[in-house]
Structure formats: C-alpha cells, structure tokens
Amino acid sequence: MAFRLDNIVPWGRSFDEYVRMFGLTSDELALSILSCGDGPAGFNSEMNKRGNKVISCDPIYQFTAEQLQMRIKESYETVMTEAYKNKDNFVWDIIKSPEELGRVRMEAMEGFLADFKKGKQEGRYLVESLPSLPFEDKAFDLALCSHFLFLYTEQLSLEFHRASIAEMCRVANEVRIFPLIDMDLKGSRYVDIIRTKFTEAGYSVEIKTVPYEFQRDGNEMMKIRGKINGELNDLSIS
C-alpha cells in the first residue's frame, strides 16, 4: 500500500525538546547521530546551523516541502483543538500554554521546511523507515527515536518493535527511545518485554528519567547499548 500524506498528521518538536527528552550533552551532540521517524522536527535543521550533523529518516521525506507545508497547515487546527481539549494530559511548565505550544511547534516545523530541500540534497533527510535501514553496521554513534516506538503500542506489533530496535542497535553503538508511554499515557506493555529480551541477548538496557515531561508521566527514555566484545545472542520473539 502506498504511503499517503493525507493519512498522517505532521507535528515536529524543537531542538530544545530533543536535547531534553534524550538527555543529550554538548559532547553527545557532536557525535554521529541517526534520528528515526523525525517527521518535520526542527532538530536536524538546528543541528546543521550549529555545525553538527544528524541523518533523519522518515517516509514523509518522499514529499516536497510545498506538499508538507500544505499538510502541516491543514492539520494544525485539528492538533491545536485536541491540545485544548486534552490540556490536562500535559505538563505546562517550560511550554506554559496551548498557545505557546502552537508557537514552539510551528517554529520547529518552519525551521524544518526552510532546511528541507537543501538537507535532502546533502543527504540529511532520507526516505527510509524502520525496521530496515540502509546503513553499515555501527555507522553511527547514536540512534534516536522520538514519539514512535512504544507510543504507538496499539498500532505497531511487538515484533515490529523488536525488529526496529534490533536494527537501530545494528547501525549505532547506542540507541535511545522516548517516551515509554502509549497513546493513553500508560506505560507501554512492550517496555518490560523488550528490556528483558535485549538484556538476555547481551545488551545493556537502562530506563532513564530525563529533564523533559510534556505528556503526563512521559519523562523516561530507554537507552540500549550492545556488548563491546563478544557475539550477541538471538533476539527473535518466541
């Protein structure tokens, strides 16, 4: 089935949000970074301005900046209506109101749109998606996944999660996934299964509290690192 732009609601987070939700230090921002499922986030464009580089992967990058801009415009009022309706589900501390949320997210998406054509030409925005990535083993220091895995527990199977995380572990030395809640703001039922499976396979798996909580109870990320030496065990889901 073809990937349809009218089936998605593009919503991009800012560079500052990425830094906080993944607990990124200034030294880590200088690493080689892959970011999966980025959509119209402002992380890549701001990283490029700062002289750092991130490769973003998402199937929506098959569309033009003009098409994405139109879809963002079409979706904006729907997203903001839902934010107002469900405002008790969010923590209004750094972002203090739905109005400020709209401003912060639109600024992030406008930064993305301004950078998109040039970034595609430079190979920073790739039309790729989990659970299969076109990179060599350990091509990156760090792989990030924001608001995709675990959040869509009801829409994406356990096997999809396992295969996607294994693939990120293949192409990067360390993987970070945020948040660990599902769309109902409950801890994803996949978290413990994935943590156990990858730990048994020889990976180091940590659940870390981060300095970011916008969706209530969504202030944890999963950090996964493989063995430095030795073969990893089987990761199939039985």
Protein backbone atom coordinates (compact mmCIF):
# COMPACT_ATOMS: atom_id res chain seq x y z
CA MET A 1 0.00 0.00 0.00
CA ALA A 2 1.32 3.43 -0.98
CA PHE A 3 2.28 5.84 1.78
CA ARG A 4 -0.30 8.64 1.72
CA LEU A 5 0.40 12.12 3.06
CA ASP A 6 -3.27 12.72 3.88
CA ASN A 7 -3.13 9.79 6.34
CA ILE A 8 -0.57 11.48 8.60
CA VAL A 9 -0.65 14.44 10.97
CA PRO A 10 2.82 16.06 10.81
CA TRP A 11 3.89 17.55 14.13
CA GLY A 12 7.52 18.45 14.76
CA ARG A 13 9.32 19.04 18.01
CA SER A 14 12.08 21.55 18.60
CA PHE A 15 15.82 21.18 19.02
CA ASP A 16 15.50 22.07 22.72
CA GLU A 17 12.86 19.38 23.19
CA TYR A 18 15.12 16.77 21.58
CA VAL A 19 18.02 17.75 23.82
CA ARG A 20 15.91 17.37 26.95
CA MET A 21 13.92 14.27 26.04
CA PHE A 22 17.05 12.34 25.08
CA GLY A 23 19.26 13.85 27.80
CA LEU A 24 21.80 14.95 25.18
CA THR A 25 25.01 16.61 26.36
CA SER A 26 27.04 19.08 24.29
CA ASP A 27 29.62 16.36 23.67
CA GLU A 28 26.93 13.93 22.52
CA LEU A 29 25.56 16.49 20.06
CA ALA A 30 28.92 16.34 18.29
CA LEU A 31 28.62 12.58 17.71
CA SER A 32 27.38 10.95 14.51
CA ILE A 33 23.61 10.72 15.06
CA LEU A 34 20.80 8.94 13.28
CA SER A 35 17.25 10.01 14.12
CA CYS A 36 14.40 7.70 13.06
CA GLY A 37 10.84 8.83 12.40
CA ASP A 38 11.76 12.51 12.69
CA GLY A 39 8.94 13.91 10.58
CA PRO A 40 9.03 17.74 10.41
CA ALA A 41 11.08 18.20 13.60
CA GLY A 42 13.47 21.12 13.94
CA PHE A 43 16.31 19.02 15.34
CA ASN A 44 18.16 18.40 12.07
CA SER A 45 17.97 21.97 10.82
CA GLU A 46 19.18 23.42 14.13
CA MET A 47 21.97 20.84 14.41
CA ASN A 48 23.14 21.82 10.93
CA LYS A 49 23.18 25.51 11.90
CA ARG A 50 25.35 24.63 14.90
CA GLY A 51 27.87 22.77 12.74
CA ASN A 52 26.76 19.32 13.87
CA LYS A 53 25.19 16.67 11.70
CA VAL A 54 22.29 14.30 12.07
CA ILE A 55 20.77 11.96 9.48
CA SER A 56 16.96 11.93 9.72
CA CYS A 57 14.89 9.08 8.31
CA ASP A 58 11.16 9.19 7.61
CA PRO A 59 8.90 8.06 4.75
CA ILE A 60 7.28 11.54 4.64
CA TYR A 61 10.51 12.86 3.11
CA GLN A 62 9.35 11.47 -0.24
CA PHE A 63 7.10 14.52 -0.49
CA THR A 64 8.11 18.07 -1.41
CA ALA A 65 8.47 20.92 1.06
CA GLU A 66 5.40 22.52 -0.50
CA GLN A 67 3.32 19.37 -0.03
CA LEU A 68 4.48 19.02 3.58
CA GLN A 69 3.80 22.69 4.28
CA MET A 70 0.26 22.32 2.97
CA ARG A 71 -0.36 19.21 5.08
CA ILE A 72 1.02 20.95 8.20
CA LYS A 73 -1.33 23.87 7.54
CA GLU A 74 -4.28 21.51 7.05
CA SER A 75 -3.51 19.59 10.27
CA TYR A 76 -2.60 22.47 12.56
CA GLU A 77 -6.08 23.47 13.72
CA THR A 78 -7.04 19.84 14.37
CA VAL A 79 -3.94 19.29 16.50
CA MET A 80 -4.45 22.51 18.44
CA THR A 81 -8.12 21.72 19.06
CA GLU A 82 -7.07 18.39 20.56
CA ALA A 83 -4.40 20.15 22.68
CA TYR A 84 -7.01 22.49 24.16
CA LYS A 85 -9.50 19.67 24.68
CA ASN A 86 -6.95 17.44 26.43
CA LYS A 87 -4.82 20.09 28.13
CA ASP A 88 -5.00 18.28 31.49
CA ASN A 89 -2.95 15.46 29.91
CA PHE A 90 0.05 17.77 29.55
CA VAL A 91 2.54 19.40 31.91
CA TRP A 92 2.59 23.14 31.28
CA ASP A 93 5.92 24.16 32.78
CA ILE A 94 8.51 25.04 30.13
CA ILE A 95 5.81 25.26 27.49
CA LYS A 96 3.25 27.20 29.51
CA SER A 97 0.06 27.13 27.44
CA PRO A 98 -1.54 25.64 24.33
CA GLU A 99 -0.86 28.95 22.58
CA GLU A 100 2.85 28.68 23.34
CA LEU A 101 2.79 25.03 22.27
CA GLY A 102 1.47 26.05 18.87
CA ARG A 103 4.15 28.72 18.52
CA VAL A 104 7.03 26.44 19.58
CA ARG A 105 5.98 23.60 17.31
CA MET A 106 5.30 25.84 14.30
CA GLU A 107 8.73 27.46 14.71
CA ALA A 108 10.30 23.98 14.73
CA MET A 109 8.37 22.93 11.63
CA GLU A 110 9.13 26.19 9.81
CA GLY A 111 12.82 25.60 10.50
CA PHE A 112 12.48 22.12 9.06
CA LEU A 113 10.66 23.35 5.94
CA ALA A 114 13.26 26.06 5.30
CA ASP A 115 16.04 23.47 5.54
CA PHE A 116 14.33 20.52 3.87
CA LYS A 117 15.28 20.92 0.21
CA LYS A 118 18.92 21.69 0.97
CA GLY A 119 19.04 18.95 3.60
CA LYS A 120 17.72 16.36 1.15
CA GLN A 121 20.35 17.37 -1.38
CA GLU A 122 23.02 16.98 1.31
CA GLY A 123 21.70 13.57 2.32
CA ARG A 124 20.49 14.66 5.77
CA TYR A 125 16.84 13.75 5.15
CA LEU A 126 16.39 10.23 3.82
CA VAL A 127 13.24 8.42 2.68
CA GLU A 128 13.87 5.40 4.88
CA SER A 129 11.91 3.78 7.68
CA LEU A 130 12.13 1.16 10.37
CA PRO A 131 12.51 -1.77 10.67
CA SER A 132 15.00 -1.80 7.77
CA LEU A 133 17.77 0.78 7.38
CA PRO A 134 20.35 1.07 4.55
CA PHE A 135 23.41 1.72 6.72
CA GLU A 136 26.50 -0.31 7.53
CA ASP A 137 26.91 -1.92 10.95
CA LYS A 138 27.82 0.67 13.60
CA ALA A 139 27.71 3.54 11.11
CA PHE A 140 26.55 5.89 13.89
CA ASP A 141 27.48 6.63 17.46
CA LEU A 142 23.89 7.24 18.49
CA ALA A 143 20.42 6.38 17.12
CA LEU A 144 17.36 8.25 18.41
CA CYS A 145 13.66 7.52 18.04
CA SER A 146 11.13 10.11 19.22
CA HIS A 147 7.38 9.59 19.69
CA PHE A 148 7.07 6.49 17.53
CA LEU A 149 8.16 3.24 19.15
CA PHE A 150 6.24 2.42 22.36
CA LEU A 151 3.94 5.44 21.85
CA TYR A 152 2.13 3.51 19.09
CA THR A 153 1.87 0.26 21.03
CA GLU A 154 -1.67 -0.40 19.81
CA GLN A 155 -0.81 0.29 16.18
CA LEU A 156 2.60 -1.40 15.91
CA SER A 157 3.22 -5.03 16.87
CA LEU A 158 5.72 -6.34 19.37
CA GLU A 159 7.63 -7.94 16.50
CA PHE A 160 7.83 -4.58 14.73
CA HIS A 161 9.25 -3.04 17.90
CA ARG A 162 11.78 -5.85 18.34
CA ALA A 163 12.93 -5.72 14.72
CA SER A 164 13.14 -1.92 14.69
CA ILE A 165 15.15 -1.72 17.91
CA ALA A 166 17.45 -4.54 16.77
CA GLU A 167 18.04 -2.66 13.52
CA MET A 168 18.89 0.56 15.33
CA CYS A 169 21.26 -1.40 17.55
CA ARG A 170 22.89 -2.82 14.42
CA VAL A 171 23.62 0.58 12.87
CA ALA A 172 24.53 2.50 16.06
CA ASN A 173 26.60 1.98 19.19
CA GLU A 174 23.79 3.30 21.38
CA VAL A 175 20.02 3.62 20.95
CA ARG A 176 17.69 5.99 22.81
CA ILE A 177 13.90 5.80 22.60
CA PHE A 178 11.45 8.35 24.03
CA PRO A 179 8.80 8.24 25.50
CA LEU A 180 7.94 4.88 27.07
CA ILE A 181 4.19 5.55 27.35
CA ASP A 182 1.45 4.71 24.88
CA MET A 183 -1.21 6.99 23.44
CA ASP A 184 -3.33 6.54 26.57
CA LEU A 185 -0.44 7.90 28.71
CA LYS A 186 0.13 4.47 30.27
CA GLY A 187 3.45 2.65 30.34
CA SER A 188 3.72 0.64 27.13
CA ARG A 189 3.20 -3.07 27.75
CA TYR A 190 6.14 -3.71 25.40
CA VAL A 191 8.74 -1.98 27.56
CA ASP A 192 9.38 -4.82 30.02
CA ILE A 193 9.31 -7.45 27.27
CA ILE A 194 11.83 -5.56 25.15
CA ARG A 195 14.05 -4.81 28.15
CA THR A 196 14.10 -8.48 29.16
CA LYS A 197 14.65 -9.77 25.63
CA PHE A 198 17.52 -7.43 24.84
CA THR A 199 19.14 -7.91 28.25
CA GLU A 200 19.04 -11.69 27.78
CA ALA A 201 20.61 -11.20 24.35
CA GLY A 202 23.61 -9.45 25.90
CA TYR A 203 22.67 -5.79 25.59
CA SER A 204 22.84 -3.22 28.35
CA VAL A 205 19.34 -1.75 28.76
CA GLU A 206 18.57 1.20 31.05
CA ILE A 207 15.41 3.16 31.76
CA LYS A 208 16.46 6.74 32.43
CA THR A 209 14.47 9.70 33.73
CA VAL A 210 15.07 12.75 31.54
CA PRO A 211 14.57 16.50 32.13
CA TYR A 212 11.51 16.60 29.88
CA GLU A 213 7.89 15.84 30.61
CA PHE A 214 5.16 17.24 28.40
CA GLN A 215 2.76 14.31 28.14
CA ARG A 216 1.99 13.37 31.75
CA ASP A 217 4.20 10.51 33.02
CA GLY A 218 6.21 10.67 29.80
CA ASN A 219 9.60 11.52 31.29
CA GLU A 220 11.59 8.34 30.69
CA MET A 221 13.69 7.03 27.82
CA MET A 222 15.15 3.62 27.08
CA LYS A 223 18.90 3.50 26.49
CA ILE A 224 20.37 0.39 24.85
CA ARG A 225 24.00 -0.48 24.23
CA GLY A 226 25.42 -3.71 22.82
CA LYS A 227 28.30 -5.73 24.12
CA ILE A 228 31.69 -4.22 23.44
CA ASN A 229 33.16 -7.68 22.95
CA GLY A 230 31.55 -10.98 22.10
CA GLU A 231 28.64 -12.14 19.99
CA LEU A 232 25.09 -11.16 20.87
CA ASN A 233 22.53 -13.86 21.40
CA ASP A 234 19.39 -14.45 19.36
CA LEU A 235 16.77 -11.69 19.50
CA SER A 236 13.79 -13.46 17.96
CA ILE A 237 10.46 -13.20 19.73
CA SER A 238 9.25 -16.67 20.73
